[in-house]
């Protein structure tokens, strides 16, 4: 099917549009949950996400007490001081099972947190603080 679509591309823009439509339809049929989404996903803070995943385990209070205990420890990424420390989640994605689960939860400094949040970093670098405030 992909070879046929590649042949359609040679017939111009209408062929490309038809090939993209066919690819989208095929993807929707094969893996509807994995099809790209145009809606951004906001996971919120690590504490909020873990609180939703592990109900009745008081995750927020555990993270808060761990954060207080770890203030003298350096950042796990840059080894700098934990200025405005926050929790960062790494995710394990199981494509075959269509599942995502937290893999690690690290206490990192605000500078490393800003670098790890790639969509927000791109907005800051490209559009400045105004784009972040407007949410666009």
C-alpha atoms as a PDB file:
ATOM      1  CA  UNK A   1       0.000   0.000   0.000  1.00  0.00           C
ATOM      2  CA  UNK A   2       2.863   2.384   0.777  1.00  0.00           C
ATOM      3  CA  UNK A   3       4.443   1.750  -2.635  1.00  0.00           C
ATOM      4  CA  UNK A   4       1.131   2.588  -4.305  1.00  0.00           C
ATOM      5  CA  UNK A   5       0.946   5.770  -2.241  1.00  0.00           C
ATOM      6  CA  UNK A   6       4.483   6.716  -3.249  1.00  0.00           C
ATOM      7  CA  UNK A   7       3.452   6.323  -6.893  1.00  0.00           C
ATOM      8  CA  UNK A   8       0.497   8.627  -6.284  1.00  0.00           C
ATOM      9  CA  UNK A   9       2.870  11.336  -5.051  1.00  0.00           C
ATOM     10  CA  UNK A  10       4.350  11.682  -8.509  1.00  0.00           C
ATOM     11  CA  UNK A  11       0.997  12.854  -9.888  1.00  0.00           C
ATOM     12  CA  UNK A  12       1.199  16.181  -8.048  1.00  0.00           C
ATOM     13  CA  UNK A  13      -0.511  17.870  -5.137  1.00  0.00           C
ATOM     14  CA  UNK A  14      -3.833  16.099  -5.594  1.00  0.00           C
ATOM     15  CA  UNK A  15      -2.012  12.765  -5.569  1.00  0.00           C
ATOM     16  CA  UNK A  16      -0.165  13.746  -2.409  1.00  0.00           C
ATOM     17  CA  UNK A  17      -3.405  14.759  -0.691  1.00  0.00           C
ATOM     18  CA  UNK A  18      -5.032  11.476  -1.694  1.00  0.00           C
ATOM     19  CA  UNK A  19      -2.011   9.506  -0.492  1.00  0.00           C
ATOM     20  CA  UNK A  20      -2.041  11.308   2.859  1.00  0.00           C
ATOM     21  CA  UNK A  21      -5.761  10.676   3.225  1.00  0.00           C
ATOM     22  CA  UNK A  22      -5.250   6.982   2.438  1.00  0.00           C
ATOM     23  CA  UNK A  23      -2.390   6.783   4.943  1.00  0.00           C
ATOM     24  CA  UNK A  24      -4.516   8.485   7.600  1.00  0.00           C
ATOM     25  CA  UNK A  25      -7.408   6.114   6.963  1.00  0.00           C
ATOM     26  CA  UNK A  26      -5.086   3.106   7.164  1.00  0.00           C
ATOM     27  CA  UNK A  27      -3.545   4.337  10.402  1.00  0.00           C
ATOM     28  CA  UNK A  28      -6.968   4.983  11.901  1.00  0.00           C
ATOM     29  CA  UNK A  29      -8.036   1.444  11.015  1.00  0.00           C
ATOM     30  CA  UNK A  30      -4.875  -0.250  12.265  1.00  0.00           C
ATOM     31  CA  UNK A  31      -4.171   1.728  15.395  1.00  0.00           C
ATOM     32  CA  UNK A  32      -6.879   4.265  16.279  1.00  0.00           C
ATOM     33  CA  UNK A  33      -5.415   4.987  19.701  1.00  0.00           C
ATOM     34  CA  UNK A  34      -1.959   5.689  18.282  1.00  0.00           C
ATOM     35  CA  UNK A  35      -3.033   8.108  15.562  1.00  0.00           C
ATOM     36  CA  UNK A  36      -1.481  11.567  16.027  1.00  0.00           C
ATOM     37  CA  UNK A  37      -3.569  14.030  17.963  1.00  0.00           C
ATOM     38  CA  UNK A  38      -3.675  17.754  17.321  1.00  0.00           C
ATOM     39  CA  UNK A  39      -4.828  18.408  20.874  1.00  0.00           C
ATOM     40  CA  UNK A  40      -1.929  19.055  23.271  1.00  0.00           C
ATOM     41  CA  UNK A  41      -1.881  16.914  26.396  1.00  0.00           C
ATOM     42  CA  UNK A  42      -1.241  18.700  29.661  1.00  0.00           C
ATOM     43  CA  UNK A  43      -0.112  16.193  32.252  1.00  0.00           C
ATOM     44  CA  UNK A  44       0.233  18.797  34.988  1.00  0.00           C
ATOM     45  CA  UNK A  45       2.790  18.511  37.750  1.00  0.00           C
ATOM     46  CA  UNK A  46       4.365  15.200  38.657  1.00  0.00           C
ATOM     47  CA  UNK A  47       2.565  15.214  41.985  1.00  0.00           C
ATOM     48  CA  UNK A  48      -0.818  15.707  40.287  1.00  0.00           C
ATOM     49  CA  UNK A  49      -0.184  12.929  37.789  1.00  0.00           C
ATOM     50  CA  UNK A  50       1.040  10.458  40.406  1.00  0.00           C
ATOM     51  CA  UNK A  51      -1.862  11.380  42.685  1.00  0.00           C
ATOM     52  CA  UNK A  52      -4.285  10.414  39.909  1.00  0.00           C
ATOM     53  CA  UNK A  53      -2.438   7.182  39.107  1.00  0.00           C
ATOM     54  CA  UNK A  54      -1.949   6.017  42.688  1.00  0.00           C
ATOM     55  CA  UNK A  55      -5.113   7.043  44.502  1.00  0.00           C
ATOM     56  CA  UNK A  56      -5.331   6.560  48.263  1.00  0.00           C
ATOM     57  CA  UNK A  57      -1.521   6.428  48.614  1.00  0.00           C
ATOM     58  CA  UNK A  58      -0.990  10.095  49.612  1.00  0.00           C
ATOM     59  CA  UNK A  59       1.615  10.660  46.915  1.00  0.00           C
ATOM     60  CA  UNK A  60       1.677  14.463  47.261  1.00  0.00           C
ATOM     61  CA  UNK A  61       2.549  14.349  50.953  1.00  0.00           C
ATOM     62  CA  UNK A  62       5.231  11.696  50.326  1.00  0.00           C
ATOM     63  CA  UNK A  63       6.802  13.781  47.573  1.00  0.00           C
ATOM     64  CA  UNK A  64       6.695  16.913  49.750  1.00  0.00           C
ATOM     65  CA  UNK A  65       8.482  15.163  52.624  1.00  0.00           C
ATOM     66  CA  UNK A  66      11.048  13.678  50.231  1.00  0.00           C
ATOM     67  CA  UNK A  67      11.639  17.101  48.706  1.00  0.00           C
ATOM     68  CA  UNK A  68      12.305  18.628  52.137  1.00  0.00           C
ATOM     69  CA  UNK A  69      14.733  15.824  52.957  1.00  0.00           C
ATOM     70  CA  UNK A  70      16.599  16.175  49.644  1.00  0.00           C
ATOM     71  CA  UNK A  71      17.206  19.934  49.583  1.00  0.00           C
ATOM     72  CA  UNK A  72      20.929  19.451  50.312  1.00  0.00           C
ATOM     73  CA  UNK A  73      21.305  16.902  47.510  1.00  0.00           C
ATOM     74  CA  UNK A  74      22.438  18.233  44.093  1.00  0.00           C
ATOM     75  CA  UNK A  75      20.237  18.146  41.003  1.00  0.00           C
ATOM     76  CA  UNK A  76      20.174  14.661  39.446  1.00  0.00           C
ATOM     77  CA  UNK A  77      20.912  16.043  35.969  1.00  0.00           C
ATOM     78  CA  UNK A  78      23.344  18.986  36.237  1.00  0.00           C
ATOM     79  CA  UNK A  79      24.621  18.348  39.783  1.00  0.00           C
ATOM     80  CA  UNK A  80      23.896  21.989  40.620  1.00  0.00           C
ATOM     81  CA  UNK A  81      21.978  23.335  43.604  1.00  0.00           C
ATOM     82  CA  UNK A  82      18.282  22.479  43.770  1.00  0.00           C
ATOM     83  CA  UNK A  83      16.972  26.004  43.282  1.00  0.00           C
ATOM     84  CA  UNK A  84      13.183  25.879  43.030  1.00  0.00           C
ATOM     85  CA  UNK A  85      13.305  22.090  42.884  1.00  0.00           C
ATOM     86  CA  UNK A  86      10.537  20.169  41.169  1.00  0.00           C
ATOM     87  CA  UNK A  87       9.767  16.570  40.349  1.00  0.00           C
ATOM     88  CA  UNK A  88      10.316  15.233  36.848  1.00  0.00           C
ATOM     89  CA  UNK A  89       8.732  12.060  35.497  1.00  0.00           C
ATOM     90  CA  UNK A  90      10.206   9.766  32.859  1.00  0.00           C
ATOM     91  CA  UNK A  91       7.688   7.557  31.088  1.00  0.00           C
ATOM     92  CA  UNK A  92       7.796   4.027  29.730  1.00  0.00           C
ATOM     93  CA  UNK A  93       5.689   3.706  26.598  1.00  0.00           C
ATOM     94  CA  UNK A  94       4.418   0.265  25.590  1.00  0.00           C
ATOM     95  CA  UNK A  95       3.217   0.810  22.039  1.00  0.00           C
ATOM     96  CA  UNK A  96       1.977  -2.748  21.521  1.00  0.00           C
ATOM     97  CA  UNK A  97      -0.207  -2.587  24.638  1.00  0.00           C
ATOM     98  CA  UNK A  98      -1.101   1.096  24.106  1.00  0.00           C
ATOM     99  CA  UNK A  99       0.007   1.898  27.623  1.00  0.00           C
ATOM    100  CA  UNK A 100       2.140   4.540  29.289  1.00  0.00           C
ATOM    101  CA  UNK A 101       3.408   4.332  32.848  1.00  0.00           C
ATOM    102  CA  UNK A 102       5.822   6.328  35.003  1.00  0.00           C
ATOM    103  CA  UNK A 103       9.337   4.895  34.987  1.00  0.00           C
ATOM    104  CA  UNK A 104      11.273   7.271  37.243  1.00  0.00           C
ATOM    105  CA  UNK A 105      10.520  10.314  39.350  1.00  0.00           C
ATOM    106  CA  UNK A 106      13.507  12.591  39.962  1.00  0.00           C
ATOM    107  CA  UNK A 107      13.982  15.780  41.941  1.00  0.00           C
ATOM    108  CA  UNK A 108      15.624  18.317  39.601  1.00  0.00           C
ATOM    109  CA  UNK A 109      16.385  22.044  39.599  1.00  0.00           C
ATOM    110  CA  UNK A 110      14.155  24.551  37.832  1.00  0.00           C
ATOM    111  CA  UNK A 111      16.746  25.101  35.078  1.00  0.00           C
ATOM    112  CA  UNK A 112      16.835  21.412  34.140  1.00  0.00           C
ATOM    113  CA  UNK A 113      13.043  21.241  34.418  1.00  0.00           C
ATOM    114  CA  UNK A 114      12.747  24.060  31.873  1.00  0.00           C
ATOM    115  CA  UNK A 115      15.022  22.192  29.467  1.00  0.00           C
ATOM    116  CA  UNK A 116      13.147  18.914  29.890  1.00  0.00           C
ATOM    117  CA  UNK A 117       9.795  20.520  29.037  1.00  0.00           C
ATOM    118  CA  UNK A 118      10.527  20.749  25.314  1.00  0.00           C
ATOM    119  CA  UNK A 119       7.218  22.268  24.076  1.00  0.00           C
ATOM    120  CA  UNK A 120       7.424  25.114  26.600  1.00  0.00           C
ATOM    121  CA  UNK A 121      11.132  25.628  25.839  1.00  0.00           C
ATOM    122  CA  UNK A 122      10.397  25.929  22.115  1.00  0.00           C
ATOM    123  CA  UNK A 123       7.653  28.479  22.797  1.00  0.00           C
ATOM    124  CA  UNK A 124       9.989  30.502  25.022  1.00  0.00           C
ATOM    125  CA  UNK A 125      12.781  30.521  22.461  1.00  0.00           C
ATOM    126  CA  UNK A 126      10.605  31.185  19.419  1.00  0.00           C
ATOM    127  CA  UNK A 127       7.831  33.398  20.667  1.00  0.00           C
ATOM    128  CA  UNK A 128       8.977  34.801  24.014  1.00  0.00           C
ATOM    129  CA  UNK A 129       7.055  35.046  27.249  1.00  0.00           C
ATOM    130  CA  UNK A 130       3.961  36.595  25.586  1.00  0.00           C
ATOM    131  CA  UNK A 131       3.119  33.300  23.855  1.00  0.00           C
ATOM    132  CA  UNK A 132       3.307  31.430  27.156  1.00  0.00           C
ATOM    133  CA  UNK A 133       0.988  33.896  28.857  1.00  0.00           C
ATOM    134  CA  UNK A 134      -1.568  33.735  26.056  1.00  0.00           C
ATOM    135  CA  UNK A 135      -1.414  29.917  25.883  1.00  0.00           C
ATOM    136  CA  UNK A 136      -0.993  29.887  22.114  1.00  0.00           C
END
